[in-house]
């Protein structure tokens, strides 16, 4: 009987998708292969995203964030999510308590932790989606077409990534209505 239970448990374990967490960097943040290593100059990063035909996505995280870990181990590695990110987004990671200098669209240079305060980032993860073109002055927080704090399941994450690509923020359809229609089939 124990052997049967063991075999069932083993088969079940191997049948479930298993995603390894991406490696942690020296800053304690997850480092998936699709992250861009930049000088964190928002104007340059936006230009690089445009050159690649992608949208600039800034993701704020912090060491030990259980919600960041959830996104990096359970959501981002899903093939349909990862392919959306790799094919369509230029992703720059920011550390909520980091000291790396960030240059805002208006030329202001601050360490990540001070830029987080300037942009009103209080929670990790937070995803900030930038516009297609650089704003005339102002901050990234003002320029962002969508700012989404929190960890979400695959349906909401996929819907958010698609809604931004479809420029749903320019329409009258609120993201929650889009989510209900596309994920849950509610009209």
Protein backbone atom coordinates (compact mmCIF):
# COMPACT_ATOMS: atom_id res chain seq x y z
CA UNK A 1 0.00 0.00 0.00
CA UNK A 2 2.86 2.37 0.81
CA UNK A 3 4.46 1.59 -2.52
CA UNK A 4 1.23 2.47 -4.36
CA UNK A 5 0.94 5.75 -2.45
CA UNK A 6 4.58 6.54 -3.19
CA UNK A 7 4.16 5.82 -6.91
CA UNK A 8 1.02 8.00 -7.09
CA UNK A 9 2.78 10.81 -5.27
CA UNK A 10 5.82 10.55 -7.54
CA UNK A 11 3.74 10.54 -10.73
CA UNK A 12 1.71 13.51 -9.48
CA UNK A 13 4.84 15.45 -8.58
CA UNK A 14 6.36 14.91 -12.02
CA UNK A 15 3.09 15.75 -13.77
CA UNK A 16 2.92 19.22 -12.18
CA UNK A 17 4.79 22.02 -13.91
CA UNK A 18 7.85 22.98 -11.94
CA UNK A 19 9.49 26.33 -12.45
CA UNK A 20 12.87 27.07 -10.99
CA UNK A 21 13.30 30.53 -9.60
CA UNK A 22 15.66 32.67 -11.62
CA UNK A 23 18.98 33.27 -9.90
CA UNK A 24 19.28 36.01 -7.32
CA UNK A 25 21.63 38.90 -7.98
CA UNK A 26 23.98 40.48 -5.45
CA UNK A 27 21.12 42.82 -4.56
CA UNK A 28 18.92 39.86 -3.58
CA UNK A 29 16.51 40.38 -6.50
CA UNK A 30 15.50 37.70 -9.00
CA UNK A 31 17.30 38.02 -12.33
CA UNK A 32 15.38 36.37 -15.18
CA UNK A 33 17.15 36.35 -18.54
CA UNK A 34 14.72 38.88 -20.03
CA UNK A 35 15.78 41.73 -17.74
CA UNK A 36 17.73 44.47 -19.48
CA UNK A 37 21.00 45.62 -17.91
CA UNK A 38 20.97 49.39 -18.41
CA UNK A 39 22.29 52.60 -16.86
CA UNK A 40 18.71 53.28 -15.67
CA UNK A 41 18.39 56.44 -17.73
CA UNK A 42 14.70 56.57 -18.54
CA UNK A 43 15.10 58.46 -21.83
CA UNK A 44 17.81 56.06 -23.03
CA UNK A 45 15.83 53.01 -21.89
CA UNK A 46 12.72 54.24 -23.69
CA UNK A 47 14.77 54.84 -26.85
CA UNK A 48 16.26 51.32 -26.58
CA UNK A 49 12.78 49.84 -26.16
CA UNK A 50 11.55 51.75 -29.22
CA UNK A 51 14.54 50.59 -31.30
CA UNK A 52 13.57 47.00 -30.48
CA UNK A 53 9.88 47.61 -31.18
CA UNK A 54 9.00 47.00 -27.53
CA UNK A 55 7.29 48.75 -24.64
CA UNK A 56 9.35 49.95 -21.66
CA UNK A 57 8.31 48.23 -18.45
CA UNK A 58 9.88 49.19 -15.15
CA UNK A 59 9.43 46.65 -12.37
CA UNK A 60 10.10 47.63 -8.76
CA UNK A 61 11.16 44.88 -6.38
CA UNK A 62 12.96 44.42 -3.06
CA UNK A 63 15.10 41.81 -1.34
CA UNK A 64 13.01 39.19 0.46
CA UNK A 65 9.72 40.22 -1.18
CA UNK A 66 7.48 37.15 -1.06
CA UNK A 67 5.20 38.60 -3.72
CA UNK A 68 8.14 39.24 -6.07
CA UNK A 69 9.24 35.65 -5.53
CA UNK A 70 5.72 34.44 -6.36
CA UNK A 71 5.75 36.37 -9.62
CA UNK A 72 9.22 35.08 -10.56
CA UNK A 73 8.53 31.44 -9.66
CA UNK A 74 4.84 30.97 -10.49
CA UNK A 75 3.73 33.59 -13.02
CA UNK A 76 6.54 35.03 -15.16
CA UNK A 77 7.93 31.57 -16.12
CA UNK A 78 4.59 30.42 -17.57
CA UNK A 79 5.20 30.06 -21.32
CA UNK A 80 2.33 32.36 -22.33
CA UNK A 81 3.46 35.08 -19.89
CA UNK A 82 7.19 34.75 -20.55
CA UNK A 83 6.69 34.90 -24.32
CA UNK A 84 4.57 38.07 -23.96
CA UNK A 85 7.35 39.67 -21.93
CA UNK A 86 10.26 38.53 -24.12
CA UNK A 87 8.59 39.46 -27.41
CA UNK A 88 7.00 42.76 -26.40
CA UNK A 89 8.64 44.35 -23.37
CA UNK A 90 11.98 45.95 -22.54
CA UNK A 91 12.09 45.33 -18.78
CA UNK A 92 14.21 47.36 -16.39
CA UNK A 93 14.34 46.27 -12.75
CA UNK A 94 14.53 48.79 -9.91
CA UNK A 95 15.31 48.08 -6.27
CA UNK A 96 12.98 49.84 -3.83
CA UNK A 97 15.87 50.29 -1.39
CA UNK A 98 18.71 50.40 -3.93
CA UNK A 99 21.49 52.91 -4.36
CA UNK A 100 22.00 52.68 -8.13
CA UNK A 101 21.50 56.06 -9.78
CA UNK A 102 18.41 56.55 -11.93
CA UNK A 103 17.96 59.40 -14.40
CA UNK A 104 14.34 60.51 -14.75
CA UNK A 105 12.85 61.84 -17.98
CA UNK A 106 13.35 65.42 -16.73
CA UNK A 107 17.06 64.80 -16.08
CA UNK A 108 16.82 64.44 -12.31
CA UNK A 109 19.35 61.90 -11.03
CA UNK A 110 18.63 60.09 -7.75
CA UNK A 111 19.42 56.72 -6.15
CA UNK A 112 16.71 54.12 -6.73
CA UNK A 113 15.35 54.44 -3.18
CA UNK A 114 14.91 58.20 -3.57
CA UNK A 115 13.47 57.84 -7.07
CA UNK A 116 10.98 55.34 -5.62
CA UNK A 117 9.82 58.05 -3.19
CA UNK A 118 9.70 60.62 -5.98
CA UNK A 119 7.57 58.32 -8.12
CA UNK A 120 5.32 57.27 -5.22
CA UNK A 121 6.35 53.60 -5.24
CA UNK A 122 5.43 52.02 -1.92
CA UNK A 123 4.82 48.35 -2.70
CA UNK A 124 6.67 45.55 -4.45
CA UNK A 125 6.30 44.34 -7.02
CA UNK A 126 5.06 47.39 -8.88
CA UNK A 127 5.02 47.47 -12.67
CA UNK A 128 5.19 50.81 -14.46
CA UNK A 129 4.40 50.82 -18.18
CA UNK A 130 5.87 53.74 -20.10
CA UNK A 131 4.37 55.45 -23.16
CA UNK A 132 5.52 54.79 -26.71
CA UNK A 133 7.29 58.13 -26.94
CA UNK A 134 9.31 60.15 -24.45
CA UNK A 135 7.40 62.83 -22.59
CA UNK A 136 8.48 66.46 -22.68
CA UNK A 137 9.97 66.76 -19.20
CA UNK A 138 8.18 65.49 -16.15
CA UNK A 139 8.73 62.28 -14.25
CA UNK A 140 8.33 58.65 -15.19
CA UNK A 141 5.48 58.50 -12.68
CA UNK A 142 3.69 61.24 -14.62
CA UNK A 143 4.51 59.62 -17.95
CA UNK A 144 3.46 56.07 -17.03
CA UNK A 145 0.37 54.96 -18.92
CA UNK A 146 -0.31 52.30 -16.27
CA UNK A 147 1.14 51.64 -12.83
CA UNK A 148 0.14 48.33 -11.27
CA UNK A 149 1.23 47.47 -7.73
CA UNK A 150 0.92 43.90 -6.55
CA UNK A 151 1.36 40.28 -7.44
CA UNK A 152 -1.38 38.75 -9.55
CA UNK A 153 -2.31 35.40 -10.99
CA UNK A 154 -1.64 34.35 -14.54
CA UNK A 155 -4.97 35.54 -15.95
CA UNK A 156 -4.68 39.06 -14.58
CA UNK A 157 -0.99 39.34 -15.46
CA UNK A 158 -1.54 38.13 -19.03
CA UNK A 159 -4.53 40.45 -19.41
CA UNK A 160 -2.54 43.42 -18.11
CA UNK A 161 0.36 42.77 -20.49
CA UNK A 162 -2.07 42.47 -23.43
CA UNK A 163 -4.20 45.47 -22.37
CA UNK A 164 -1.08 47.68 -22.40
CA UNK A 165 0.00 46.30 -25.80
CA UNK A 166 -3.51 46.97 -27.16
CA UNK A 167 -3.40 50.47 -25.61
CA UNK A 168 -6.53 49.79 -23.64
CA UNK A 169 -5.66 52.80 -21.47
CA UNK A 170 -6.52 55.00 -24.48
CA UNK A 171 -10.03 53.54 -24.73
CA UNK A 172 -13.14 53.83 -22.60
CA UNK A 173 -12.79 50.22 -21.46
CA UNK A 174 -11.39 50.19 -17.93
CA UNK A 175 -8.86 47.44 -17.23
CA UNK A 176 -11.29 45.70 -14.84
CA UNK A 177 -13.90 45.51 -17.62
CA UNK A 178 -11.25 44.21 -20.04
CA UNK A 179 -10.19 41.61 -17.47
CA UNK A 180 -13.76 40.48 -16.91
CA UNK A 181 -14.39 40.23 -20.65
CA UNK A 182 -11.15 38.54 -21.71
CA UNK A 183 -10.37 36.30 -18.74
CA UNK A 184 -13.70 35.57 -17.14
CA UNK A 185 -15.98 35.84 -20.19
CA UNK A 186 -18.25 38.46 -18.60
CA UNK A 187 -19.60 41.21 -20.78
